[in-house]
């Protein structure tokens, strides 16, 4: 098996550092989201196995100043924007 076939974003990912699903390494590479066949740039959290994303509901904010999020269901397809950095084990 090559690194190309196993190189996939995590099943669940959040951009909030306080979340247990936050992954700084994956976010540093850049993760794009295709939701219901269209590109989304406003996704705060997603879960592929449960088929949902959380996205802001307009510009509404909660009492702590965070954007209010709505949960949308449908097919979620995450992908990495940048390729993985070569490591010493790769021989490059």
PDB file of N, CA and C in Angstrom:
ATOM      1  N   UNK A   1       0.832  -1.183   0.000  1.00  0.00           N
ATOM      2  CA  UNK A   1       0.000   0.000   0.000  1.00  0.00           C
ATOM      3  C   UNK A   1       0.874   1.244   0.000  1.00  0.00           C
ATOM      4  N   UNK A   2       0.484   2.216  -0.750  1.00  0.00           N
ATOM      5  CA  UNK A   2       1.258   3.447  -0.790  1.00  0.00           C
ATOM      6  C   UNK A   2       0.615   4.495   0.105  1.00  0.00           C
ATOM      7  N   UNK A   3       1.372   5.549   0.390  1.00  0.00           N
ATOM      8  CA  UNK A   3       0.849   6.629   1.219  1.00  0.00           C
ATOM      9  C   UNK A   3      -0.277   7.361   0.504  1.00  0.00           C
ATOM     10  N   UNK A   4      -0.314   7.323  -0.804  1.00  0.00           N
ATOM     11  CA  UNK A   4      -1.328   8.021  -1.569  1.00  0.00           C
ATOM     12  C   UNK A   4      -2.726   7.441  -1.305  1.00  0.00           C
ATOM     13  N   UNK A   5      -2.847   6.131  -1.187  1.00  0.00           N
ATOM     14  CA  UNK A   5      -4.155   5.514  -1.020  1.00  0.00           C
ATOM     15  C   UNK A   5      -4.675   5.637   0.407  1.00  0.00           C
ATOM     16  N   UNK A   6      -3.804   5.758   1.399  1.00  0.00           N
ATOM     17  CA  UNK A   6      -4.245   5.847   2.785  1.00  0.00           C
ATOM     18  C   UNK A   6      -4.261   7.279   3.287  1.00  0.00           C
ATOM     19  N   UNK A   7      -3.893   8.221   2.465  1.00  0.00           N
ATOM     20  CA  UNK A   7      -3.824   9.611   2.875  1.00  0.00           C
ATOM     21  C   UNK A   7      -5.205  10.253   2.766  1.00  0.00           C
ATOM     22  N   UNK A   8      -5.966  10.189   3.856  1.00  0.00           N
ATOM     23  CA  UNK A   8      -7.315  10.753   3.879  1.00  0.00           C
ATOM     24  C   UNK A   8      -7.496  11.573   5.155  1.00  0.00           C
ATOM     25  N   UNK A   9      -8.299  12.606   5.104  1.00  0.00           N
ATOM     26  CA  UNK A   9      -8.578  13.395   6.312  1.00  0.00           C
ATOM     27  C   UNK A   9      -9.277  12.542   7.363  1.00  0.00           C
ATOM     28  N   UNK A  10      -9.250  12.981   8.622  1.00  0.00           N
ATOM     29  CA  UNK A  10      -9.915  12.215   9.681  1.00  0.00           C
ATOM     30  C   UNK A  10     -11.430  12.143   9.472  1.00  0.00           C
ATOM     31  N   UNK A  11     -12.038  11.139  10.097  1.00  0.00           N
ATOM     32  CA  UNK A  11     -13.489  10.941   9.987  1.00  0.00           C
ATOM     33  C   UNK A  11     -14.245  12.123  10.574  1.00  0.00           C
ATOM     34  N   UNK A  12     -13.733  12.687  11.646  1.00  0.00           N
ATOM     35  CA  UNK A  12     -14.377  13.831  12.292  1.00  0.00           C
ATOM     36  C   UNK A  12     -13.315  14.866  12.604  1.00  0.00           C
ATOM     37  N   UNK A  13     -13.601  16.127  12.320  1.00  0.00           N
ATOM     38  CA  UNK A  13     -12.622  17.190  12.507  1.00  0.00           C
ATOM     39  C   UNK A  13     -13.334  18.482  12.870  1.00  0.00           C
ATOM     40  N   UNK A  14     -12.716  19.253  13.789  1.00  0.00           N
ATOM     41  CA  UNK A  14     -13.245  20.541  14.202  1.00  0.00           C
ATOM     42  C   UNK A  14     -12.136  21.577  14.136  1.00  0.00           C
ATOM     43  N   UNK A  15     -12.487  22.834  13.842  1.00  0.00           N
ATOM     44  CA  UNK A  15     -11.478  23.893  13.817  1.00  0.00           C
ATOM     45  C   UNK A  15     -11.362  24.589  15.169  1.00  0.00           C
ATOM     46  N   UNK A  16     -12.204  24.209  16.134  1.00  0.00           N
ATOM     47  CA  UNK A  16     -12.175  24.797  17.475  1.00  0.00           C
ATOM     48  C   UNK A  16     -11.110  24.097  18.321  1.00  0.00           C
ATOM     49  N   UNK A  17     -10.076  24.832  18.783  1.00  0.00           N
ATOM     50  CA  UNK A  17      -9.018  24.195  19.584  1.00  0.00           C
ATOM     51  C   UNK A  17      -9.513  23.575  20.888  1.00  0.00           C
ATOM     52  N   UNK A  18     -10.650  23.994  21.398  1.00  0.00           N
ATOM     53  CA  UNK A  18     -11.187  23.430  22.637  1.00  0.00           C
ATOM     54  C   UNK A  18     -11.907  22.102  22.406  1.00  0.00           C
ATOM     55  N   UNK A  19     -12.154  21.745  21.163  1.00  0.00           N
ATOM     56  CA  UNK A  19     -12.869  20.515  20.836  1.00  0.00           C
ATOM     57  C   UNK A  19     -11.943  19.298  20.923  1.00  0.00           C
ATOM     58  N   UNK A  20     -12.466  18.141  21.355  1.00  0.00           N
ATOM     59  CA  UNK A  20     -11.642  16.928  21.364  1.00  0.00           C
ATOM     60  C   UNK A  20     -11.356  16.420  19.946  1.00  0.00           C
ATOM     61  N   UNK A  21     -12.043  16.940  18.938  1.00  0.00           N
ATOM     62  CA  UNK A  21     -11.856  16.515  17.552  1.00  0.00           C
ATOM     63  C   UNK A  21     -10.964  17.471  16.770  1.00  0.00           C
ATOM     64  N   UNK A  22     -10.275  18.359  17.465  1.00  0.00           N
ATOM     65  CA  UNK A  22      -9.352  19.302  16.833  1.00  0.00           C
ATOM     66  C   UNK A  22      -8.060  18.571  16.474  1.00  0.00           C
ATOM     67  N   UNK A  23      -7.552  18.768  15.254  1.00  0.00           N
ATOM     68  CA  UNK A  23      -6.300  18.160  14.803  1.00  0.00           C
ATOM     69  C   UNK A  23      -5.504  19.227  14.047  1.00  0.00           C
ATOM     70  N   UNK A  24      -4.550  19.836  14.741  1.00  0.00           N
ATOM     71  CA  UNK A  24      -3.763  20.923  14.166  1.00  0.00           C
ATOM     72  C   UNK A  24      -2.943  20.506  12.962  1.00  0.00           C
ATOM     73  N   UNK A  25      -2.440  19.278  12.944  1.00  0.00           N
ATOM     74  CA  UNK A  25      -1.622  18.799  11.825  1.00  0.00           C
ATOM     75  C   UNK A  25      -2.464  18.709  10.554  1.00  0.00           C
ATOM     76  N   UNK A  26      -3.655  18.157  10.672  1.00  0.00           N
ATOM     77  CA  UNK A  26      -4.541  18.043   9.500  1.00  0.00           C
ATOM     78  C   UNK A  26      -4.980  19.425   9.021  1.00  0.00           C
ATOM     79  N   UNK A  27      -5.278  20.306   9.946  1.00  0.00           N
ATOM     80  CA  UNK A  27      -5.714  21.651   9.572  1.00  0.00           C
ATOM     81  C   UNK A  27      -4.584  22.455   8.931  1.00  0.00           C
ATOM     82  N   UNK A  28      -3.344  22.189   9.332  1.00  0.00           N
ATOM     83  CA  UNK A  28      -2.202  22.896   8.739  1.00  0.00           C
ATOM     84  C   UNK A  28      -2.053  22.539   7.258  1.00  0.00           C
ATOM     85  N   UNK A  29      -2.402  21.318   6.892  1.00  0.00           N
ATOM     86  CA  UNK A  29      -2.359  20.909   5.476  1.00  0.00           C
ATOM     87  C   UNK A  29      -3.493  21.516   4.687  1.00  0.00           C
ATOM     88  N   UNK A  30      -4.556  21.867   5.352  1.00  0.00           N
ATOM     89  CA  UNK A  30      -5.724  22.420   4.678  1.00  0.00           C
ATOM     90  C   UNK A  30      -6.690  21.308   4.318  1.00  0.00           C
ATOM     91  N   UNK A  31      -7.900  21.406   4.815  1.00  0.00           N
ATOM     92  CA  UNK A  31      -8.925  20.406   4.533  1.00  0.00           C
ATOM     93  C   UNK A  31     -10.076  21.095   3.817  1.00  0.00           C
ATOM     94  N   UNK A  32     -10.399  20.616   2.646  1.00  0.00           N
ATOM     95  CA  UNK A  32     -11.543  21.123   1.897  1.00  0.00           C
ATOM     96  C   UNK A  32     -12.738  20.212   2.126  1.00  0.00           C
ATOM     97  N   UNK A  33     -13.934  20.778   2.027  1.00  0.00           N
ATOM     98  CA  UNK A  33     -15.159  20.005   2.246  1.00  0.00           C
ATOM     99  C   UNK A  33     -16.074  20.141   1.035  1.00  0.00           C
ATOM    100  N   UNK A  34     -16.487  18.999   0.522  1.00  0.00           N
ATOM    101  CA  UNK A  34     -17.508  18.947  -0.516  1.00  0.00           C
ATOM    102  C   UNK A  34     -18.754  18.395   0.167  1.00  0.00           C
ATOM    103  N   UNK A  35     -19.812  19.210   0.256  1.00  0.00           N
ATOM    104  CA  UNK A  35     -21.038  18.829   0.952  1.00  0.00           C
ATOM    105  C   UNK A  35     -22.206  18.901  -0.020  1.00  0.00           C
ATOM    106  N   UNK A  36     -22.889  17.791  -0.188  1.00  0.00           N
ATOM    107  CA  UNK A  36     -23.996  17.665  -1.139  1.00  0.00           C
ATOM    108  C   UNK A  36     -23.567  18.082  -2.541  1.00  0.00           C
ATOM    109  N   UNK A  37     -22.338  17.770  -2.897  1.00  0.00           N
ATOM    110  CA  UNK A  37     -21.848  18.020  -4.244  1.00  0.00           C
ATOM    111  C   UNK A  37     -21.286  19.405  -4.498  1.00  0.00           C
ATOM    112  N   UNK A  38     -21.305  20.303  -3.501  1.00  0.00           N
ATOM    113  CA  UNK A  38     -20.748  21.646  -3.713  1.00  0.00           C
ATOM    114  C   UNK A  38     -19.684  21.944  -2.659  1.00  0.00           C
ATOM    115  N   UNK A  39     -18.735  22.803  -3.021  1.00  0.00           N
ATOM    116  CA  UNK A  39     -17.649  23.179  -2.114  1.00  0.00           C
ATOM    117  C   UNK A  39     -18.185  24.089  -1.011  1.00  0.00           C
ATOM    118  N   UNK A  40     -17.769  23.833   0.231  1.00  0.00           N
ATOM    119  CA  UNK A  40     -18.145  24.679   1.358  1.00  0.00           C
ATOM    120  C   UNK A  40     -16.875  25.208   1.999  1.00  0.00           C
ATOM    121  N   UNK A  41     -16.839  26.495   2.267  1.00  0.00           N
ATOM    122  CA  UNK A  41     -15.667  27.097   2.911  1.00  0.00           C
ATOM    123  C   UNK A  41     -15.977  27.568   4.324  1.00  0.00           C
ATOM    124  N   UNK A  42     -17.221  27.413   4.765  1.00  0.00           N
ATOM    125  CA  UNK A  42     -17.617  27.909   6.083  1.00  0.00           C
ATOM    126  C   UNK A  42     -17.861  26.807   7.114  1.00  0.00           C
ATOM    127  N   UNK A  43     -17.358  25.617   6.886  1.00  0.00           N
ATOM    128  CA  UNK A  43     -17.598  24.480   7.775  1.00  0.00           C
ATOM    129  C   UNK A  43     -16.728  24.597   9.030  1.00  0.00           C
ATOM    130  N   UNK A  44     -17.361  24.515  10.197  1.00  0.00           N
ATOM    131  CA  UNK A  44     -16.654  24.580  11.476  1.00  0.00           C
ATOM    132  C   UNK A  44     -16.284  23.176  11.979  1.00  0.00           C
ATOM    133  N   UNK A  45     -17.125  22.190  11.676  1.00  0.00           N
ATOM    134  CA  UNK A  45     -16.900  20.812  12.117  1.00  0.00           C
ATOM    135  C   UNK A  45     -17.626  19.887  11.158  1.00  0.00           C
ATOM    136  N   UNK A  46     -17.090  18.673  10.981  1.00  0.00           N
ATOM    137  CA  UNK A  46     -17.765  17.697  10.129  1.00  0.00           C
ATOM    138  C   UNK A  46     -17.573  16.303  10.681  1.00  0.00           C
ATOM    139  N   UNK A  47     -18.439  15.387  10.255  1.00  0.00           N
ATOM    140  CA  UNK A  47     -18.320  13.971  10.577  1.00  0.00           C
ATOM    141  C   UNK A  47     -18.753  13.186   9.341  1.00  0.00           C
ATOM    142  N   UNK A  48     -17.829  12.431   8.765  1.00  0.00           N
ATOM    143  CA  UNK A  48     -18.115  11.679   7.548  1.00  0.00           C
ATOM    144  C   UNK A  48     -19.010  10.482   7.842  1.00  0.00           C
ATOM    145  N   UNK A  49     -18.724   9.737   8.904  1.00  0.00           N
ATOM    146  CA  UNK A  49     -19.481   8.520   9.188  1.00  0.00           C
ATOM    147  C   UNK A  49     -20.936   8.806   9.562  1.00  0.00           C
ATOM    148  N   UNK A  50     -21.210   9.982  10.129  1.00  0.00           N
ATOM    149  CA  UNK A  50     -22.576  10.333  10.506  1.00  0.00           C
ATOM    150  C   UNK A  50     -23.231  11.270   9.492  1.00  0.00           C
ATOM    151  N   UNK A  51     -22.506  11.662   8.433  1.00  0.00           N
ATOM    152  CA  UNK A  51     -23.024  12.495   7.344  1.00  0.00           C
ATOM    153  C   UNK A  51     -23.597  13.832   7.811  1.00  0.00           C
ATOM    154  N   UNK A  52     -22.786  14.645   8.508  1.00  0.00           N
ATOM    155  CA  UNK A  52     -23.232  15.977   8.890  1.00  0.00           C
ATOM    156  C   UNK A  52     -22.069  16.953   8.936  1.00  0.00           C
ATOM    157  N   UNK A  53     -22.421  18.242   8.856  1.00  0.00           N
ATOM    158  CA  UNK A  53     -21.467  19.331   9.063  1.00  0.00           C
ATOM    159  C   UNK A  53     -22.119  20.339   9.991  1.00  0.00           C
ATOM    160  N   UNK A  54     -21.295  21.160  10.622  1.00  0.00           N
ATOM    161  CA  UNK A  54     -21.787  22.301  11.388  1.00  0.00           C
ATOM    162  C   UNK A  54     -21.245  23.550  10.707  1.00  0.00           C
ATOM    163  N   UNK A  55     -22.162  24.448  10.371  1.00  0.00           N
ATOM    164  CA  UNK A  55     -21.804  25.680   9.670  1.00  0.00           C
ATOM    165  C   UNK A  55     -22.515  26.855  10.347  1.00  0.00           C
ATOM    166  N   UNK A  56     -21.968  28.067  10.215  1.00  0.00           N
ATOM    167  CA  UNK A  56     -22.600  29.243  10.834  1.00  0.00           C
ATOM    168  C   UNK A  56     -23.982  29.529  10.259  1.00  0.00           C
ATOM    169  N   UNK A  57     -24.858  30.013  11.132  1.00  0.00           N
ATOM    170  CA  UNK A  57     -26.210  30.414  10.727  1.00  0.00           C
ATOM    171  C   UNK A  57     -26.202  31.922  10.508  1.00  0.00           C
ATOM    172  N   UNK A  58     -25.718  32.352   9.373  1.00  0.00           N
ATOM    173  CA  UNK A  58     -25.621  33.783   9.084  1.00  0.00           C
ATOM    174  C   UNK A  58     -24.556  34.449   9.925  1.00  0.00           C
ATOM    175  N   UNK A  59     -24.847  35.631  10.430  1.00  0.00           N
ATOM    176  CA  UNK A  59     -23.877  36.364  11.249  1.00  0.00           C
ATOM    177  C   UNK A  59     -24.303  36.403  12.713  1.00  0.00           C
ATOM    178  N   UNK A  60     -25.269  35.585  13.086  1.00  0.00           N
ATOM    179  CA  UNK A  60     -25.775  35.539  14.454  1.00  0.00           C
ATOM    180  C   UNK A  60     -24.711  34.985  15.389  1.00  0.00           C
ATOM    181  N   UNK A  61     -24.583  35.609  16.541  1.00  0.00           N
ATOM    182  CA  UNK A  61     -23.590  35.185  17.532  1.00  0.00           C
ATOM    183  C   UNK A  61     -24.263  34.854  18.858  1.00  0.00           C
ATOM    184  N   UNK A  62     -23.606  33.968  19.618  1.00  0.00           N
ATOM    185  CA  UNK A  62     -24.126  33.635  20.936  1.00  0.00           C
ATOM    186  C   UNK A  62     -23.606  34.656  21.953  1.00  0.00           C
ATOM    187  N   UNK A  63     -23.929  34.452  23.237  1.00  0.00           N
ATOM    188  CA  UNK A  63     -23.556  35.440  24.254  1.00  0.00           C
ATOM    189  C   UNK A  63     -22.056  35.498  24.520  1.00  0.00           C
ATOM    190  N   UNK A  64     -21.311  34.492  24.061  1.00  0.00           N
ATOM    191  CA  UNK A  64     -19.852  34.497  24.213  1.00  0.00           C
ATOM    192  C   UNK A  64     -19.152  35.083  22.993  1.00  0.00           C
ATOM    193  N   UNK A  65     -19.918  35.454  21.979  1.00  0.00           N
ATOM    194  CA  UNK A  65     -19.347  36.051  20.781  1.00  0.00           C
ATOM    195  C   UNK A  65     -19.012  35.065  19.680  1.00  0.00           C
ATOM    196  N   UNK A  66     -19.316  33.787  19.877  1.00  0.00           N
ATOM    197  CA  UNK A  66     -19.072  32.770  18.852  1.00  0.00           C
ATOM    198  C   UNK A  66     -20.241  32.717  17.886  1.00  0.00           C
ATOM    199  N   UNK A  67     -19.959  32.370  16.649  1.00  0.00           N
ATOM    200  CA  UNK A  67     -21.028  32.218  15.665  1.00  0.00           C
ATOM    201  C   UNK A  67     -21.962  31.079  16.061  1.00  0.00           C
ATOM    202  N   UNK A  68     -23.263  31.270  15.862  1.00  0.00           N
ATOM    203  CA  UNK A  68     -24.216  30.183  16.081  1.00  0.00           C
ATOM    204  C   UNK A  68     -24.091  29.207  14.930  1.00  0.00           C
ATOM    205  N   UNK A  69     -24.043  27.930  15.253  1.00  0.00           N
ATOM    206  CA  UNK A  69     -23.857  26.893  14.245  1.00  0.00           C
ATOM    207  C   UNK A  69     -25.122  26.072  14.072  1.00  0.00           C
ATOM    208  N   UNK A  70     -25.377  25.667  12.841  1.00  0.00           N
ATOM    209  CA  UNK A  70     -26.478  24.756  12.552  1.00  0.00           C
ATOM    210  C   UNK A  70     -25.881  23.452  12.024  1.00  0.00           C
ATOM    211  N   UNK A  71     -26.574  22.368  12.318  1.00  0.00           N
ATOM    212  CA  UNK A  71     -26.136  21.049  11.866  1.00  0.00           C
ATOM    213  C   UNK A  71     -26.891  20.699  10.596  1.00  0.00           C
ATOM    214  N   UNK A  72     -26.157  20.483   9.511  1.00  0.00           N
ATOM    215  CA  UNK A  72     -26.751  20.126   8.222  1.00  0.00           C
ATOM    216  C   UNK A  72     -26.379  18.685   7.899  1.00  0.00           C
ATOM    217  N   UNK A  73     -27.324  17.909   7.422  1.00  0.00           N
ATOM    218  CA  UNK A  73     -27.046  16.509   7.102  1.00  0.00           C
ATOM    219  C   UNK A  73     -27.016  16.293   5.603  1.00  0.00           C
ATOM    220  N   UNK A  74     -26.173  15.377   5.203  1.00  0.00           N
ATOM    221  CA  UNK A  74     -26.009  15.035   3.794  1.00  0.00           C
ATOM    222  C   UNK A  74     -24.639  14.425   3.577  1.00  0.00           C
ATOM    223  N   UNK A  75     -24.329  14.007   2.365  1.00  0.00           N
ATOM    224  CA  UNK A  75     -23.032  13.393   2.080  1.00  0.00           C
ATOM    225  C   UNK A  75     -21.883  14.400   2.251  1.00  0.00           C
ATOM    226  N   UNK A  76     -20.861  13.982   3.007  1.00  0.00           N
ATOM    227  CA  UNK A  76     -19.697  14.819   3.293  1.00  0.00           C
ATOM    228  C   UNK A  76     -18.468  14.169   2.679  1.00  0.00           C
ATOM    229  N   UNK A  77     -17.700  14.929   1.895  1.00  0.00           N
ATOM    230  CA  UNK A  77     -16.480  14.431   1.270  1.00  0.00           C
ATOM    231  C   UNK A  77     -15.317  15.368   1.612  1.00  0.00           C
ATOM    232  N   UNK A  78     -14.524  15.041   2.652  1.00  0.00           N
ATOM    233  CA  UNK A  78     -13.364  15.872   2.958  1.00  0.00           C
ATOM    234  C   UNK A  78     -12.165  15.479   2.103  1.00  0.00           C
ATOM    235  N   UNK A  79     -11.277  16.426   1.862  1.00  0.00           N
ATOM    236  CA  UNK A  79     -10.048  16.150   1.117  1.00  0.00           C
ATOM    237  C   UNK A  79      -8.975  17.119   1.574  1.00  0.00           C
ATOM    238  N   UNK A  80      -7.723  16.679   1.444  1.00  0.00           N
ATOM    239  CA  UNK A  80      -6.603  17.545   1.787  1.00  0.00           C
ATOM    240  C   UNK A  80      -6.315  18.474   0.623  1.00  0.00           C
ATOM    241  N   UNK A  81      -6.067  19.752   0.917  1.00  0.00           N
ATOM    242  CA  UNK A  81      -5.754  20.742  -0.099  1.00  0.00           C
ATOM    243  C   UNK A  81      -4.296  20.618  -0.527  1.00  0.00           C
ATOM    244  N   UNK A  82      -3.404  20.414   0.448  1.00  0.00           N
ATOM    245  CA  UNK A  82      -1.974  20.295   0.169  1.00  0.00           C
ATOM    246  C   UNK A  82      -1.531  18.845   0.340  1.00  0.00           C
ATOM    247  N   UNK A  83      -0.563  18.389  -0.458  1.00  0.00           N
ATOM    248  CA  UNK A  83      -0.061  17.019  -0.290  1.00  0.00           C
ATOM    249  C   UNK A  83       0.746  16.902   0.998  1.00  0.00           C
ATOM    250  N   UNK A  84       0.905  15.684   1.464  1.00  0.00           N
ATOM    251  CA  UNK A  84       1.679  15.427   2.672  1.00  0.00           C
ATOM    252  C   UNK A  84       3.137  15.782   2.436  1.00  0.00           C
ATOM    253  N   UNK A  85       3.763  16.317   3.468  1.00  0.00           N
ATOM    254  CA  UNK A  85       5.185  16.652   3.376  1.00  0.00           C
ATOM    255  C   UNK A  85       5.991  15.356   3.372  1.00  0.00           C
ATOM    256  N   UNK A  86       7.008  15.267   2.513  1.00  0.00           N
ATOM    257  CA  UNK A  86       7.824  14.051   2.500  1.00  0.00           C
ATOM    258  C   UNK A  86       8.609  13.912   3.802  1.00  0.00           C
ATOM    259  N   UNK A  87       8.752  12.676   4.262  1.00  0.00           N
ATOM    260  CA  UNK A  87       9.516  12.407   5.479  1.00  0.00           C
ATOM    261  C   UNK A  87      10.809  11.707   5.110  1.00  0.00           C
ATOM    262  N   UNK A  88      11.700  11.565   6.078  1.00  0.00           N
ATOM    263  CA  UNK A  88      12.987  10.902   5.835  1.00  0.00           C
ATOM    264  C   UNK A  88      12.777   9.431   5.481  1.00  0.00           C
ATOM    265  N   UNK A  89      11.703   8.826   5.998  1.00  0.00           N
ATOM    266  CA  UNK A  89      11.424   7.415   5.709  1.00  0.00           C
ATOM    267  C   UNK A  89      11.009   7.204   4.244  1.00  0.00           C
ATOM    268  N   UNK A  90      10.504   8.253   3.605  1.00  0.00           N
ATOM    269  CA  UNK A  90      10.086   8.149   2.203  1.00  0.00           C
ATOM    270  C   UNK A  90      11.270   8.085   1.246  1.00  0.00           C
ATOM    271  N   UNK A  91      12.437   8.464   1.737  1.00  0.00           N
ATOM    272  CA  UNK A  91      13.625   8.410   0.888  1.00  0.00           C
ATOM    273  C   UNK A  91      13.811   9.677   0.078  1.00  0.00           C
ATOM    274  N   UNK A  92      13.098  10.722   0.366  1.00  0.00           N
ATOM    275  CA  UNK A  92      13.244  11.991  -0.372  1.00  0.00           C
ATOM    276  C   UNK A  92      14.057  12.975   0.416  1.00  0.00           C
TER     277      UNK A  92
END
